[in-house]
Amino acid sequence: MANNDCAKTVCNKDLKICDEVAEGHCECRTTVHNATLCYCPRGFRLEGRVCVDIDECATVGTCAQKCINTPGGYICECYPGYRLTMGESSSDGPNTVGKCRARGSDPLLLLSNRAAIRRFDLISNKYEPLIAKLESAVAMDFLHKNDTLIWSDVSQEKIMICHMGKGLIVKDIRQCAEGGDNITLVDKDVSTPDGLAVDWVHQLLFWTDTGLDQINVVDLVSRRRRTLFSDGLDEPRAIAVDPSRGLIFWTDWGVNARIERAGMDGNDRAVLISGDSIKWPNGLALDILEQRVYWADAKVKLIMSCDYWGENTRLVIRSHERLRHPFSLTVFEERLYWTDWDHEGVLTANKFTGNDFKTVMNGVSGPMTVRVYHEMAQPDHPNKCADHECQHMCLPRAHLPAKREEDFVLKGRPYTCACMNGFMVSVDNHNYCVVESDASSSGFLRGSTPFSFTSLFFLLLIASVVIVGYIWYRKQPSQFAVLHVDNPVYRRTVEEVDADMDGFADGSGVANGAPREVKLVVEQQRNEHAAAPSAPTSLPTESMTAPLTSSMVM
């Protein structure tokens, strides 16, 4: 057998091409056949006749947070507020992952399932009810600094608030009112608040309303509210905020399903994800540190992520077994947590790879929203509205992460003055608001024209015709049965409810999209979906046990 010419070329000491002393980090090793081969140590790979460094940081998930590549290795670091776990640095082996643990209190898992809100200690695995005696709690979020829980009750068509006290003291819902807290936050012009998100920096609450097809915001201090979007929405569901960037993100599982992004002031609206790859985007979560968006799709059976521009998408999990019907999603440290109606519980997996799949809680009937309650889930950021001069509401402007460093500068003031519903910004002073009906007559709308009596006459005439036609229509016999199918998954009367039960048996379950031990409320209501054979539907009925129910497919 001919000798390998590596000894004369690659391992030539004078050429310094493959020499353990040279910069190539190569070693010459003699084989059993008396040939000489070039060998690269761990952390390097052979390219031609030279060993080059392997960039371990190019592999997603090498480190939980920051990854710094070094010759032949890498270093894991954590963001402020986190600590690197001992014994898990790159020096311990090529397959170890540096994990970052949040400093402070033990993280708590919060879960709503209509009849109650529960908490689960992720360290001690201790579970207990938090707020009981609820009717239909669906969406839920918190304000960590003052130990406040906020949730939506879709049967009452309200958004509720309760100041829990330090450490989230377990309460009966009546204790919130008895303690002097105003338990009702929003109870007017709200229908089906499927998702809500708290801006903990600027004291704002954003929510989606799939009944009204709106996205709204309310100031948690002044209680003034404003409708941000009322058009271009079909079935808005989950919503998430990044106060550091002044951004909101939301999902829409309508006919043209998509994920959108906008500034907190309603400007800079953009579609991030759309097309055939997205169908029923139920859950939505933000990794603010890494500036990534995660979503769970209940029809395509996947969890994916992208950056704040809708680019650099990554598939995390695609599994019909693990993702039977995900509803809510949250991210904390290096893990994802989500609720699943068919699994009847809360599940978790690694946010980079989807591996290390576990069941955190099971036997939960109708699990809705899940959140991780911890101070690092709501870290401190500069308040863009700290020095605002707005009369009604201060809403942060979008400060988008840019692809070029020079684009990071936010020009102008970092907020927009907005007016509560029924008012508009004065054209003379953008800090002040005027009543919309008075704007024309008061000269606040430039270019406006006086409203003529002729126009008023024709408007009254048209209104009269419409009213007469409606009365005539009401008196006609109905040809079809009319069913109220506006999110009946949330509108149920629970026959047996014990919200304080152990074992999560609250008798208000949803499994495989169908109710269990509950009576579905189906109302006779006009202007809803008619149960006619030719009536079109925008909702998919694939593998559904109740195809007439709109939100039950989600």
Foldseek 3Di string as FASTA:
>chain_A
DDADCCVVPLVDPVVLNADCVRPLNWDWDQDPVRHIDIDHDAQWDDDPSGTDGDQPPVAPQQELADWADDRRWIFHDDDPQWDWDPPQTGVNDPPGYTFIHGDDDFKWKWWDFQAFIKIAGPVVRDIFTQEGRGHFWFAKDAQQVQQKIWTAAQQQQFIFIARQDPPRHRDYPVVRVVVVHPGTLDRPPGHGFQEKEAQNQQQKIWTAGQVQQWIKMARNPVSFIATLDRPPAHGKHYKYDDQQFQKIKTWGQFLFTFIWMFGQNNHPIDTQDTDPVAHAFAEWEAPNSVQKIWTAGQPQQFIWIAHPNNPPIDTADHDCVLRVGWHYWYDDGQKIWTDHQAQQAIWMAGPGHRPPIDTSDGLAFRIHYMDIRDDVVNDDHDRLCPPPLAPADKRFHGQDDDPDPVSNDDPDRGTFHAHGPQWGAFPVDRRYIDGPVCCQVVVRDPPDDDDDVVNVVVVVVVVVVVVVVVVVVVPDDDPFQAKDQAQQLRNWDAPAADGRDPSNPGRAHAHQLDTGNIDGDIDRDPPHFTPDPPGDDRADDPSHPDSSHHPSVD
